[in-house]
Amino acid sequence: MAYSTDLADRIRERLSEVPGIEVSEKKMFSGLSFLVNGKMCINVSHDNLMCRYHPDLEEEVSEKNGFLPMMMKGKQLKGYCYVEPSGFQKKDDFEYWIKICLDYNAIAKASKKKRS
């Protein structure tokens, strides 16, 4: 599972600045997922971000530099996308993606736990 450790460090550092959240990490989606308060928030997949955001923002985010739709079984998965490095290299752009992921995380439902 190859993913950008520099990007993971950048996310880790940024999330550490947010008061009142619990962050954990889990290897998934061909990369590293950052779970905030037990819910998937943002991921590093190779050199890209994989973002989870409110589906109502789909039109807005699709116009952002670096946006790539997330496809599953031939259909676009609303509320999820990949972002190429050109779309988050600037600090303001990186902050945009972190913010929409954290904003949605606050209201997102946690996935059901698998039985062991």
PDB file of N, CA and C in Angstrom:
ATOM      1  N   MET A   1       0.835  -1.175   0.000  1.00  0.00           N
ATOM      2  CA  MET A   1       0.000   0.000   0.000  1.00  0.00           C
ATOM      3  C   MET A   1       0.884   1.244   0.000  1.00  0.00           C
ATOM      4  N   ALA A   2       1.083   1.806  -1.148  1.00  0.00           N
ATOM      5  CA  ALA A   2       1.929   2.995  -1.239  1.00  0.00           C
ATOM      6  C   ALA A   2       1.075   4.258  -1.157  1.00  0.00           C
ATOM      7  N   TYR A   3       1.458   5.141  -0.258  1.00  0.00           N
ATOM      8  CA  TYR A   3       0.802   6.435  -0.160  1.00  0.00           C
ATOM      9  C   TYR A   3       1.847   7.452   0.272  1.00  0.00           C
ATOM     10  N   SER A   4       1.568   8.713   0.000  1.00  0.00           N
ATOM     11  CA  SER A   4       2.496   9.781   0.326  1.00  0.00           C
ATOM     12  C   SER A   4       2.568   9.985   1.841  1.00  0.00           C
ATOM     13  N   THR A   5       3.722   9.646   2.400  1.00  0.00           N
ATOM     14  CA  THR A   5       3.890   9.849   3.839  1.00  0.00           C
ATOM     15  C   THR A   5       3.979  11.345   4.167  1.00  0.00           C
ATOM     16  N   ASP A   6       4.484  12.135   3.224  1.00  0.00           N
ATOM     17  CA  ASP A   6       4.531  13.589   3.442  1.00  0.00           C
ATOM     18  C   ASP A   6       3.125  14.166   3.551  1.00  0.00           C
ATOM     19  N   LEU A   7       2.229  13.709   2.662  1.00  0.00           N
ATOM     20  CA  LEU A   7       0.845  14.180   2.717  1.00  0.00           C
ATOM     21  C   LEU A   7       0.163  13.681   3.994  1.00  0.00           C
ATOM     22  N   ALA A   8       0.426  12.450   4.375  1.00  0.00           N
ATOM     23  CA  ALA A   8      -0.136  11.919   5.625  1.00  0.00           C
ATOM     24  C   ALA A   8       0.334  12.755   6.815  1.00  0.00           C
ATOM     25  N   ASP A   9       1.600  13.126   6.822  1.00  0.00           N
ATOM     26  CA  ASP A   9       2.123  13.962   7.904  1.00  0.00           C
ATOM     27  C   ASP A   9       1.458  15.337   7.921  1.00  0.00           C
ATOM     28  N   ARG A  10       1.219  15.871   6.740  1.00  0.00           N
ATOM     29  CA  ARG A  10       0.569  17.191   6.620  1.00  0.00           C
ATOM     30  C   ARG A  10      -0.850  17.134   7.202  1.00  0.00           C
ATOM     31  N   ILE A  11      -1.587  16.085   6.880  1.00  0.00           N
ATOM     32  CA  ILE A  11      -2.945  15.913   7.411  1.00  0.00           C
ATOM     33  C   ILE A  11      -2.888  15.693   8.921  1.00  0.00           C
ATOM     34  N   ARG A  12      -2.009  14.816   9.351  1.00  0.00           N
ATOM     35  CA  ARG A  12      -1.853  14.502  10.778  1.00  0.00           C
ATOM     36  C   ARG A  12      -1.575  15.787  11.576  1.00  0.00           C
ATOM     37  N   GLU A  13      -0.663  16.595  11.070  1.00  0.00           N
ATOM     38  CA  GLU A  13      -0.313  17.851  11.750  1.00  0.00           C
ATOM     39  C   GLU A  13      -1.511  18.789  11.813  1.00  0.00           C
ATOM     40  N   ARG A  14      -2.228  18.906  10.699  1.00  0.00           N
ATOM     41  CA  ARG A  14      -3.384  19.815  10.650  1.00  0.00           C
ATOM     42  C   ARG A  14      -4.492  19.349  11.595  1.00  0.00           C
ATOM     43  N   LEU A  15      -4.778  18.054  11.589  1.00  0.00           N
ATOM     44  CA  LEU A  15      -5.838  17.538  12.462  1.00  0.00           C
ATOM     45  C   LEU A  15      -5.466  17.657  13.935  1.00  0.00           C
ATOM     46  N   SER A  16      -4.178  17.629  14.235  1.00  0.00           N
ATOM     47  CA  SER A  16      -3.745  17.759  15.633  1.00  0.00           C
ATOM     48  C   SER A  16      -4.039  19.153  16.187  1.00  0.00           C
ATOM     49  N   GLU A  17      -4.277  20.112  15.304  1.00  0.00           N
ATOM     50  CA  GLU A  17      -4.576  21.488  15.711  1.00  0.00           C
ATOM     51  C   GLU A  17      -6.050  21.709  16.028  1.00  0.00           C
ATOM     52  N   VAL A  18      -6.892  20.732  15.733  1.00  0.00           N
ATOM     53  CA  VAL A  18      -8.332  20.886  15.923  1.00  0.00           C
ATOM     54  C   VAL A  18      -8.699  20.435  17.336  1.00  0.00           C
ATOM     55  N   PRO A  19      -9.241  21.350  18.141  1.00  0.00           N
ATOM     56  CA  PRO A  19      -9.587  20.978  19.514  1.00  0.00           C
ATOM     57  C   PRO A  19     -10.832  20.092  19.569  1.00  0.00           C
ATOM     58  N   GLY A  20     -10.854  19.202  20.555  1.00  0.00           N
ATOM     59  CA  GLY A  20     -12.054  18.436  20.839  1.00  0.00           C
ATOM     60  C   GLY A  20     -12.366  17.283  19.902  1.00  0.00           C
ATOM     61  N   ILE A  21     -11.391  16.840  19.107  1.00  0.00           N
ATOM     62  CA  ILE A  21     -11.639  15.683  18.247  1.00  0.00           C
ATOM     63  C   ILE A  21     -10.667  14.564  18.600  1.00  0.00           C
ATOM     64  N   GLU A  22     -11.086  13.342  18.314  1.00  0.00           N
ATOM     65  CA  GLU A  22     -10.230  12.179  18.494  1.00  0.00           C
ATOM     66  C   GLU A  22      -9.897  11.643  17.110  1.00  0.00           C
ATOM     67  N   VAL A  23      -8.617  11.533  16.809  1.00  0.00           N
ATOM     68  CA  VAL A  23      -8.172  11.089  15.492  1.00  0.00           C
ATOM     69  C   VAL A  23      -7.501   9.730  15.607  1.00  0.00           C
ATOM     70  N   SER A  24      -7.886   8.825  14.729  1.00  0.00           N
ATOM     71  CA  SER A  24      -7.200   7.544  14.619  1.00  0.00           C
ATOM     72  C   SER A  24      -6.908   7.307  13.141  1.00  0.00           C
ATOM     73  N   GLU A  25      -6.014   6.371  12.877  1.00  0.00           N
ATOM     74  CA  GLU A  25      -5.603   6.091  11.506  1.00  0.00           C
ATOM     75  C   GLU A  25      -5.808   4.622  11.207  1.00  0.00           C
ATOM     76  N   LYS A  26      -6.181   4.350   9.962  1.00  0.00           N
ATOM     77  CA  LYS A  26      -6.427   2.971   9.555  1.00  0.00           C
ATOM     78  C   LYS A  26      -6.034   2.819   8.091  1.00  0.00           C
ATOM     79  N   LYS A  27      -5.308   1.760   7.783  1.00  0.00           N
ATOM     80  CA  LYS A  27      -4.941   1.509   6.394  1.00  0.00           C
ATOM     81  C   LYS A  27      -6.163   0.955   5.662  1.00  0.00           C
ATOM     82  N   MET A  28      -6.583   1.680   4.621  1.00  0.00           N
ATOM     83  CA  MET A  28      -7.719   1.261   3.804  1.00  0.00           C
ATOM     84  C   MET A  28      -7.747   2.061   2.516  1.00  0.00           C
ATOM     85  N   PHE A  29      -8.529   1.624   1.541  1.00  0.00           N
ATOM     86  CA  PHE A  29      -8.660   2.316   0.258  1.00  0.00           C
ATOM     87  C   PHE A  29      -7.308   2.568  -0.399  1.00  0.00           C
ATOM     88  N   SER A  30      -6.453   1.583  -0.400  1.00  0.00           N
ATOM     89  CA  SER A  30      -5.109   1.693  -0.993  1.00  0.00           C
ATOM     90  C   SER A  30      -4.306   2.831  -0.390  1.00  0.00           C
ATOM     91  N   GLY A  31      -4.539   3.133   0.854  1.00  0.00           N
ATOM     92  CA  GLY A  31      -3.806   4.225   1.483  1.00  0.00           C
ATOM     93  C   GLY A  31      -4.040   4.273   2.972  1.00  0.00           C
ATOM     94  N   LEU A  32      -4.085   5.485   3.500  1.00  0.00           N
ATOM     95  CA  LEU A  32      -4.243   5.699   4.929  1.00  0.00           C
ATOM     96  C   LEU A  32      -5.458   6.574   5.167  1.00  0.00           C
ATOM     97  N   SER A  33      -6.348   6.087   5.998  1.00  0.00           N
ATOM     98  CA  SER A  33      -7.571   6.807   6.324  1.00  0.00           C
ATOM     99  C   SER A  33      -7.433   7.448   7.698  1.00  0.00           C
ATOM    100  N   PHE A  34      -7.905   8.689   7.790  1.00  0.00           N
ATOM    101  CA  PHE A  34      -7.942   9.399   9.068  1.00  0.00           C
ATOM    102  C   PHE A  34      -9.382   9.406   9.536  1.00  0.00           C
ATOM    103  N   LEU A  35      -9.608   8.758  10.671  1.00  0.00           N
ATOM    104  CA  LEU A  35     -10.940   8.707  11.267  1.00  0.00           C
ATOM    105  C   LEU A  35     -11.007   9.765  12.357  1.00  0.00           C
ATOM    106  N   VAL A  36     -12.042  10.565  12.299  1.00  0.00           N
ATOM    107  CA  VAL A  36     -12.251  11.604  13.302  1.00  0.00           C
ATOM    108  C   VAL A  36     -13.495  11.212  14.088  1.00  0.00           C
ATOM    109  N   ASN A  37     -13.318  11.080  15.394  1.00  0.00           N
ATOM    110  CA  ASN A  37     -14.395  10.650  16.283  1.00  0.00           C
ATOM    111  C   ASN A  37     -15.050   9.360  15.782  1.00  0.00           C
ATOM    112  N   GLY A  38     -14.219   8.445  15.297  1.00  0.00           N
ATOM    113  CA  GLY A  38     -14.679   7.134  14.876  1.00  0.00           C
ATOM    114  C   GLY A  38     -15.275   7.059  13.481  1.00  0.00           C
ATOM    115  N   LYS A  39     -15.262   8.166  12.745  1.00  0.00           N
ATOM    116  CA  LYS A  39     -15.847   8.192  11.405  1.00  0.00           C
ATOM    117  C   LYS A  39     -14.793   8.579  10.371  1.00  0.00           C
ATOM    118  N   MET A  40     -14.826   7.891   9.216  1.00  0.00           N
ATOM    119  CA  MET A  40     -13.869   8.218   8.160  1.00  0.00           C
ATOM    120  C   MET A  40     -14.044   9.680   7.757  1.00  0.00           C
ATOM    121  N   CYS A  41     -12.935  10.395   7.713  1.00  0.00           N
ATOM    122  CA  CYS A  41     -12.984  11.825   7.412  1.00  0.00           C
ATOM    123  C   CYS A  41     -12.242  12.148   6.121  1.00  0.00           C
ATOM    124  N   ILE A  42     -10.964  11.832   6.072  1.00  0.00           N
ATOM    125  CA  ILE A  42     -10.134  12.165   4.919  1.00  0.00           C
ATOM    126  C   ILE A  42      -9.055  11.089   4.786  1.00  0.00           C
ATOM    127  N   ASN A  43      -8.614  10.838   3.579  1.00  0.00           N
ATOM    128  CA  ASN A  43      -7.658   9.765   3.328  1.00  0.00           C
ATOM    129  C   ASN A  43      -6.532  10.234   2.424  1.00  0.00           C
ATOM    130  N   VAL A  44      -5.440   9.512   2.507  1.00  0.00           N
ATOM    131  CA  VAL A  44      -4.339   9.671   1.558  1.00  0.00           C
ATOM    132  C   VAL A  44      -4.346   8.413   0.700  1.00  0.00           C
ATOM    133  N   SER A  45      -4.466   8.591  -0.597  1.00  0.00           N
ATOM    134  CA  SER A  45      -4.459   7.472  -1.529  1.00  0.00           C
ATOM    135  C   SER A  45      -3.398   7.769  -2.585  1.00  0.00           C
ATOM    136  N   HIS A  46      -2.283   7.064  -2.510  1.00  0.00           N
ATOM    137  CA  HIS A  46      -1.115   7.345  -3.355  1.00  0.00           C
ATOM    138  C   HIS A  46      -0.677   8.790  -3.094  1.00  0.00           C
ATOM    139  N   ASP A  47      -0.731   9.671  -4.097  1.00  0.00           N
ATOM    140  CA  ASP A  47      -0.363  11.080  -3.889  1.00  0.00           C
ATOM    141  C   ASP A  47      -1.589  11.979  -3.764  1.00  0.00           C
ATOM    142  N   ASN A  48      -2.764  11.384  -3.777  1.00  0.00           N
ATOM    143  CA  ASN A  48      -4.011  12.151  -3.770  1.00  0.00           C
ATOM    144  C   ASN A  48      -4.663  12.158  -2.397  1.00  0.00           C
ATOM    145  N   LEU A  49      -5.507  13.169  -2.197  1.00  0.00           N
ATOM    146  CA  LEU A  49      -6.430  13.146  -1.073  1.00  0.00           C
ATOM    147  C   LEU A  49      -7.660  12.373  -1.522  1.00  0.00           C
ATOM    148  N   MET A  50      -8.300  11.712  -0.612  1.00  0.00           N
ATOM    149  CA  MET A  50      -9.640  11.186  -0.863  1.00  0.00           C
ATOM    150  C   MET A  50     -10.508  11.825   0.199  1.00  0.00           C
ATOM    151  N   CYS A  51     -11.487  12.595  -0.235  1.00  0.00           N
ATOM    152  CA  CYS A  51     -12.283  13.398   0.685  1.00  0.00           C
ATOM    153  C   CYS A  51     -13.707  12.888   0.804  1.00  0.00           C
ATOM    154  N   ARG A  52     -14.250  13.017   2.007  1.00  0.00           N
ATOM    155  CA  ARG A  52     -15.657  12.717   2.287  1.00  0.00           C
ATOM    156  C   ARG A  52     -16.291  14.023   2.738  1.00  0.00           C
ATOM    157  N   TYR A  53     -17.317  14.454   2.029  1.00  0.00           N
ATOM    158  CA  TYR A  53     -17.935  15.759   2.278  1.00  0.00           C
ATOM    159  C   TYR A  53     -19.432  15.651   2.065  1.00  0.00           C
ATOM    160  N   HIS A  54     -20.144  16.687   2.410  1.00  0.00           N
ATOM    161  CA  HIS A  54     -21.599  16.675   2.256  1.00  0.00           C
ATOM    162  C   HIS A  54     -21.955  16.583   0.771  1.00  0.00           C
ATOM    163  N   PRO A  55     -22.806  15.621   0.406  1.00  0.00           N
ATOM    164  CA  PRO A  55     -23.166  15.456  -1.011  1.00  0.00           C
ATOM    165  C   PRO A  55     -23.766  16.711  -1.654  1.00  0.00           C
ATOM    166  N   ASP A  56     -24.341  17.608  -0.849  1.00  0.00           N
ATOM    167  CA  ASP A  56     -24.891  18.847  -1.400  1.00  0.00           C
ATOM    168  C   ASP A  56     -23.807  19.748  -1.990  1.00  0.00           C
ATOM    169  N   LEU A  57     -22.544  19.497  -1.657  1.00  0.00           N
ATOM    170  CA  LEU A  57     -21.431  20.304  -2.166  1.00  0.00           C
ATOM    171  C   LEU A  57     -20.880  19.780  -3.489  1.00  0.00           C
ATOM    172  N   GLU A  58     -21.496  18.744  -4.038  1.00  0.00           N
ATOM    173  CA  GLU A  58     -20.954  18.072  -5.224  1.00  0.00           C
ATOM    174  C   GLU A  58     -20.643  19.035  -6.370  1.00  0.00           C
ATOM    175  N   GLU A  59     -21.562  19.914  -6.694  1.00  0.00           N
ATOM    176  CA  GLU A  59     -21.337  20.845  -7.801  1.00  0.00           C
ATOM    177  C   GLU A  59     -20.167  21.788  -7.506  1.00  0.00           C
ATOM    178  N   GLU A  60     -20.122  22.298  -6.290  1.00  0.00           N
ATOM    179  CA  GLU A  60     -19.041  23.211  -5.887  1.00  0.00           C
ATOM    180  C   GLU A  60     -17.675  22.532  -5.971  1.00  0.00           C
ATOM    181  N   VAL A  61     -17.557  21.343  -5.396  1.00  0.00           N
ATOM    182  CA  VAL A  61     -16.249  20.689  -5.360  1.00  0.00           C
ATOM    183  C   VAL A  61     -15.810  20.209  -6.740  1.00  0.00           C
ATOM    184  N   SER A  62     -16.776  19.870  -7.588  1.00  0.00           N
ATOM    185  CA  SER A  62     -16.422  19.377  -8.921  1.00  0.00           C
ATOM    186  C   SER A  62     -15.761  20.450  -9.780  1.00  0.00           C
ATOM    187  N   GLU A  63     -15.901  21.695  -9.385  1.00  0.00           N
ATOM    188  CA  GLU A  63     -15.279  22.803 -10.116  1.00  0.00           C
ATOM    189  C   GLU A  63     -13.896  23.153  -9.580  1.00  0.00           C
ATOM    190  N   LYS A  64     -13.485  22.513  -8.497  1.00  0.00           N
ATOM    191  CA  LYS A  64     -12.188  22.800  -7.887  1.00  0.00           C
ATOM    192  C   LYS A  64     -11.047  22.157  -8.677  1.00  0.00           C
ATOM    193  N   ASN A  65      -9.931  22.836  -8.678  1.00  0.00           N
ATOM    194  CA  ASN A  65      -8.724  22.331  -9.326  1.00  0.00           C
ATOM    195  C   ASN A  65      -8.322  21.001  -8.682  1.00  0.00           C
ATOM    196  N   GLY A  66      -7.987  20.016  -9.493  1.00  0.00           N
ATOM    197  CA  GLY A  66      -7.519  18.730  -8.997  1.00  0.00           C
ATOM    198  C   GLY A  66      -8.607  17.728  -8.691  1.00  0.00           C
ATOM    199  N   PHE A  67      -9.879  18.121  -8.781  1.00  0.00           N
ATOM    200  CA  PHE A  67     -10.997  17.231  -8.460  1.00  0.00           C
ATOM    201  C   PHE A  67     -11.064  16.052  -9.419  1.00  0.00           C
ATOM    202  N   LEU A  68     -11.234  14.865  -8.855  1.00  0.00           N
ATOM    203  CA  LEU A  68     -11.500  13.647  -9.633  1.00  0.00           C
ATOM    204  C   LEU A  68     -12.681  12.951  -8.973  1.00  0.00           C
ATOM    205  N   PRO A  69     -13.717  12.617  -9.735  1.00  0.00           N
ATOM    206  CA  PRO A  69     -14.857  11.936  -9.123  1.00  0.00           C
ATOM    207  C   PRO A  69     -14.463  10.555  -8.627  1.00  0.00           C
ATOM    208  N   MET A  70     -15.103  10.115  -7.579  1.00  0.00           N
ATOM    209  CA  MET A  70     -14.878   8.761  -7.084  1.00  0.00           C
ATOM    210  C   MET A  70     -15.930   7.870  -7.721  1.00  0.00           C
ATOM    211  N   MET A  71     -15.465   6.858  -8.417  1.00  0.00           N
ATOM    212  CA  MET A  71     -16.367   5.960  -9.133  1.00  0.00           C
ATOM    213  C   MET A  71     -16.422   4.618  -8.417  1.00  0.00           C
ATOM    214  N   MET A  72     -17.628   4.065  -8.334  1.00  0.00           N
ATOM    215  CA  MET A  72     -17.808   2.741  -7.770  1.00  0.00           C
ATOM    216  C   MET A  72     -18.851   2.010  -8.616  1.00  0.00           C
ATOM    217  N   LYS A  73     -18.443   0.878  -9.150  1.00  0.00           N
ATOM    218  CA  LYS A  73     -19.309   0.075 -10.013  1.00  0.00           C
ATOM    219  C   LYS A  73     -19.857   0.906 -11.176  1.00  0.00           C
ATOM    220  N   GLY A  74     -19.004   1.758 -11.745  1.00  0.00           N
ATOM    221  CA  GLY A  74     -19.371   2.545 -12.913  1.00  0.00           C
ATOM    222  C   GLY A  74     -20.201   3.783 -12.635  1.00  0.00           C
ATOM    223  N   LYS A  75     -20.481   4.071 -11.364  1.00  0.00           N
ATOM    224  CA  LYS A  75     -21.274   5.250 -11.012  1.00  0.00           C
ATOM    225  C   LYS A  75     -20.479   6.147 -10.081  1.00  0.00           C
ATOM    226  N   GLN A  76     -20.727   7.454 -10.230  1.00  0.00           N
ATOM    227  CA  GLN A  76     -20.054   8.411  -9.360  1.00  0.00           C
ATOM    228  C   GLN A  76     -20.640   8.327  -7.955  1.00  0.00           C
ATOM    229  N   LEU A  77     -19.760   8.250  -6.972  1.00  0.00           N
ATOM    230  CA  LEU A  77     -20.165   8.178  -5.580  1.00  0.00           C
ATOM    231  C   LEU A  77     -20.226   9.599  -5.027  1.00  0.00           C
ATOM    232  N   LYS A  78     -21.424  10.109  -4.857  1.00  0.00           N
ATOM    233  CA  LYS A  78     -21.614  11.482  -4.373  1.00  0.00           C
ATOM    234  C   LYS A  78     -21.117  11.610  -2.936  1.00  0.00           C
ATOM    235  N   GLY A  79     -20.475  12.725  -2.651  1.00  0.00           N
ATOM    236  CA  GLY A  79     -19.962  12.970  -1.310  1.00  0.00           C
ATOM    237  C   GLY A  79     -18.552  12.464  -1.083  1.00  0.00           C
ATOM    238  N   TYR A  80     -17.958  11.903  -2.141  1.00  0.00           N
ATOM    239  CA  TYR A  80     -16.583  11.429  -2.081  1.00  0.00           C
ATOM    240  C   TYR A  80     -15.866  11.854  -3.349  1.00  0.00           C
ATOM    241  N   CYS A  81     -14.599  12.186  -3.227  1.00  0.00           N
ATOM    242  CA  CYS A  81     -13.801  12.476  -4.415  1.00  0.00           C
ATOM    243  C   CYS A  81     -12.332  12.277  -4.106  1.00  0.00           C
ATOM    244  N   TYR A  82     -11.565  12.223  -5.165  1.00  0.00           N
ATOM    245  CA  TYR A  82     -10.109  12.280  -5.064  1.00  0.00           C
ATOM    246  C   TYR A  82      -9.702  13.681  -5.452  1.00  0.00           C
ATOM    247  N   VAL A  83      -8.595  14.138  -4.912  1.00  0.00           N
ATOM    248  CA  VAL A  83      -8.044  15.437  -5.276  1.00  0.00           C
ATOM    249  C   VAL A  83      -6.575  15.241  -5.590  1.00  0.00           C
ATOM    250  N   GLU A  84      -6.215  15.587  -6.813  1.00  0.00           N
ATOM    251  CA  GLU A  84      -4.818  15.486  -7.229  1.00  0.00           C
ATOM    252  C   GLU A  84      -3.990  16.569  -6.530  1.00  0.00           C
ATOM    253  N   PRO A  85      -2.673  16.376  -6.423  1.00  0.00           N
ATOM    254  CA  PRO A  85      -1.817  17.339  -5.724  1.00  0.00           C
ATOM    255  C   PRO A  85      -1.980  18.792  -6.180  1.00  0.00           C
ATOM    256  N   SER A  86      -2.263  19.022  -7.441  1.00  0.00           N
ATOM    257  CA  SER A  86      -2.437  20.399  -7.925  1.00  0.00           C
ATOM    258  C   SER A  86      -3.604  21.098  -7.228  1.00  0.00           C
ATOM    259  N   GLY A  87      -4.511  20.318  -6.651  1.00  0.00           N
ATOM    260  CA  GLY A  87      -5.679  20.892  -6.006  1.00  0.00           C
ATOM    261  C   GLY A  87      -5.534  21.162  -4.525  1.00  0.00           C
ATOM    262  N   PHE A  88      -4.386  20.805  -3.927  1.00  0.00           N
ATOM    263  CA  PHE A  88      -4.229  21.052  -2.488  1.00  0.00           C
ATOM    264  C   PHE A  88      -2.824  21.511  -2.108  1.00  0.00           C
ATOM    265  N   GLN A  89      -1.984  21.817  -3.084  1.00  0.00           N
ATOM    266  CA  GLN A  89      -0.632  22.240  -2.732  1.00  0.00           C
ATOM    267  C   GLN A  89      -0.601  23.597  -2.038  1.00  0.00           C
ATOM    268  N   LYS A  90      -1.469  24.510  -2.466  1.00  0.00           N
ATOM    269  CA  LYS A  90      -1.542  25.812  -1.793  1.00  0.00           C
ATOM    270  C   LYS A  90      -2.236  25.632  -0.449  1.00  0.00           C
ATOM    271  N   LYS A  91      -1.773  26.367   0.549  1.00  0.00           N
ATOM    272  CA  LYS A  91      -2.313  26.238   1.902  1.00  0.00           C
ATOM    273  C   LYS A  91      -3.823  26.467   1.939  1.00  0.00           C
ATOM    274  N   ASP A  92      -4.312  27.494   1.247  1.00  0.00           N
ATOM    275  CA  ASP A  92      -5.752  27.792   1.245  1.00  0.00           C
ATOM    276  C   ASP A  92      -6.559  26.652   0.637  1.00  0.00           C
ATOM    277  N   ASP A  93      -6.034  26.039  -0.410  1.00  0.00           N
ATOM    278  CA  ASP A  93      -6.727  24.918  -1.041  1.00  0.00           C
ATOM    279  C   ASP A  93      -6.749  23.713  -0.114  1.00  0.00           C
ATOM    280  N   PHE A  94      -5.631  23.424   0.534  1.00  0.00           N
ATOM    281  CA  PHE A  94      -5.558  22.318   1.488  1.00  0.00           C
ATOM    282  C   PHE A  94      -6.569  22.544   2.614  1.00  0.00           C
ATOM    283  N   GLU A  95      -6.638  23.777   3.121  1.00  0.00           N
ATOM    284  CA  GLU A  95      -7.573  24.123   4.194  1.00  0.00           C
ATOM    285  C   GLU A  95      -9.019  23.920   3.754  1.00  0.00           C
ATOM    286  N   TYR A  96      -9.319  24.254   2.501  1.00  0.00           N
ATOM    287  CA  TYR A  96     -10.678  24.067   1.980  1.00  0.00           C
ATOM    288  C   TYR A  96     -11.100  22.604   2.126  1.00  0.00           C
ATOM    289  N   TRP A  97     -10.247  21.690   1.659  1.00  0.00           N
ATOM    290  CA  TRP A  97     -10.591  20.268   1.692  1.00  0.00           C
ATOM    291  C   TRP A  97     -10.700  19.749   3.121  1.00  0.00           C
ATOM    292  N   ILE A  98      -9.775  20.147   3.974  1.00  0.00           N
ATOM    293  CA  ILE A  98      -9.826  19.730   5.381  1.00  0.00           C
ATOM    294  C   ILE A  98     -11.127  20.221   6.015  1.00  0.00           C
ATOM    295  N   LYS A  99     -11.470  21.473   5.756  1.00  0.00           N
ATOM    296  CA  LYS A  99     -12.666  22.072   6.357  1.00  0.00           C
ATOM    297  C   LYS A  99     -13.934  21.349   5.928  1.00  0.00           C
ATOM    298  N   ILE A 100     -14.115  21.097   4.637  1.00  0.00           N
ATOM    299  CA  ILE A 100     -15.369  20.458   4.221  1.00  0.00           C
ATOM    300  C   ILE A 100     -15.455  19.016   4.742  1.00  0.00           C
ATOM    301  N   CYS A 101     -14.309  18.366   4.880  1.00  0.00           N
ATOM    302  CA  CYS A 101     -14.313  17.010   5.436  1.00  0.00           C
ATOM    303  C   CYS A 101     -14.665  17.036   6.923  1.00  0.00           C
ATOM    304  N   LEU A 102     -14.076  17.959   7.665  1.00  0.00           N
ATOM    305  CA  LEU A 102     -14.385  18.071   9.098  1.00  0.00           C
ATOM    306  C   LEU A 102     -15.823  18.522   9.328  1.00  0.00           C
ATOM    307  N   ASP A 103     -16.300  19.459   8.504  1.00  0.00           N
ATOM    308  CA  ASP A 103     -17.682  19.930   8.646  1.00  0.00           C
ATOM    309  C   ASP A 103     -18.666  18.781   8.469  1.00  0.00           C
ATOM    310  N   TYR A 104     -18.429  17.951   7.461  1.00  0.00           N
ATOM    311  CA  TYR A 104     -19.340  16.835   7.226  1.00  0.00           C
ATOM    312  C   TYR A 104     -19.182  15.761   8.295  1.00  0.00           C
ATOM    313  N   ASN A 105     -17.972  15.556   8.753  1.00  0.00           N
ATOM    314  CA  ASN A 105     -17.724  14.540   9.775  1.00  0.00           C
ATOM    315  C   ASN A 105     -18.590  14.769  11.010  1.00  0.00           C
ATOM    316  N   ALA A 106     -18.823  16.033  11.327  1.00  0.00           N
ATOM    317  CA  ALA A 106     -19.607  16.361  12.519  1.00  0.00           C
ATOM    318  C   ALA A 106     -21.043  15.840  12.425  1.00  0.00           C
ATOM    319  N   ILE A 107     -21.578  15.696  11.201  1.00  0.00           N
ATOM    320  CA  ILE A 107     -22.967  15.247  11.043  1.00  0.00           C
ATOM    321  C   ILE A 107     -23.089  13.873  10.374  1.00  0.00           C
ATOM    322  N   ALA A 108     -21.981  13.349   9.876  1.00  0.00           N
ATOM    323  CA  ALA A 108     -22.007  12.063   9.161  1.00  0.00           C
ATOM    324  C   ALA A 108     -22.327  10.924  10.115  1.00  0.00           C
ATOM    325  N   LYS A 109     -22.948   9.896   9.564  1.00  0.00           N
ATOM    326  CA  LYS A 109     -23.215   8.696  10.345  1.00  0.00           C
ATOM    327  C   LYS A 109     -21.981   7.816  10.321  1.00  0.00           C
ATOM    328  N   ALA A 110     -21.713   7.192  11.434  1.00  0.00           N
ATOM    329  CA  ALA A 110     -20.601   6.228  11.502  1.00  0.00           C
ATOM    330  C   ALA A 110     -21.044   4.962  10.805  1.00  0.00           C
ATOM    331  N   SER A 111     -20.089   4.285  10.160  1.00  0.00           N
ATOM    332  CA  SER A 111     -20.429   3.013   9.524  1.00  0.00           C
ATOM    333  C   SER A 111     -20.643   1.965  10.613  1.00  0.00           C
ATOM    334  N   LYS A 112     -21.440   0.972  10.274  1.00  0.00           N
ATOM    335  CA  LYS A 112     -21.728  -0.081  11.232  1.00  0.00           C
ATOM    336  C   LYS A 112     -20.480  -0.921  11.473  1.00  0.00           C
ATOM    337  N   LYS A 113     -20.279  -1.291  12.712  1.00  0.00           N
ATOM    338  CA  LYS A 113     -19.140  -2.125  13.091  1.00  0.00           C
ATOM    339  C   LYS A 113     -19.378  -3.556  12.612  1.00  0.00           C
ATOM    340  N   LYS A 114     -18.304  -4.172  12.084  1.00  0.00           N
ATOM    341  CA  LYS A 114     -18.399  -5.559  11.655  1.00  0.00           C
ATOM    342  C   LYS A 114     -18.333  -6.467  12.877  1.00  0.00           C
ATOM    343  N   ARG A 115     -19.085  -7.541  12.809  1.00  0.00           N
ATOM    344  CA  ARG A 115     -19.015  -8.521  13.886  1.00  0.00           C
ATOM    345  C   ARG A 115     -17.774  -9.361  13.705  1.00  0.00           C
ATOM    346  N   SER A 116     -17.135  -9.695  14.803  1.00  0.00           N
ATOM    347  CA  SER A 116     -15.915 -10.504  14.702  1.00  0.00           C
ATOM    348  C   SER A 116     -16.165 -11.963  14.957  1.00  0.00           C
TER     349      SER A 116
END
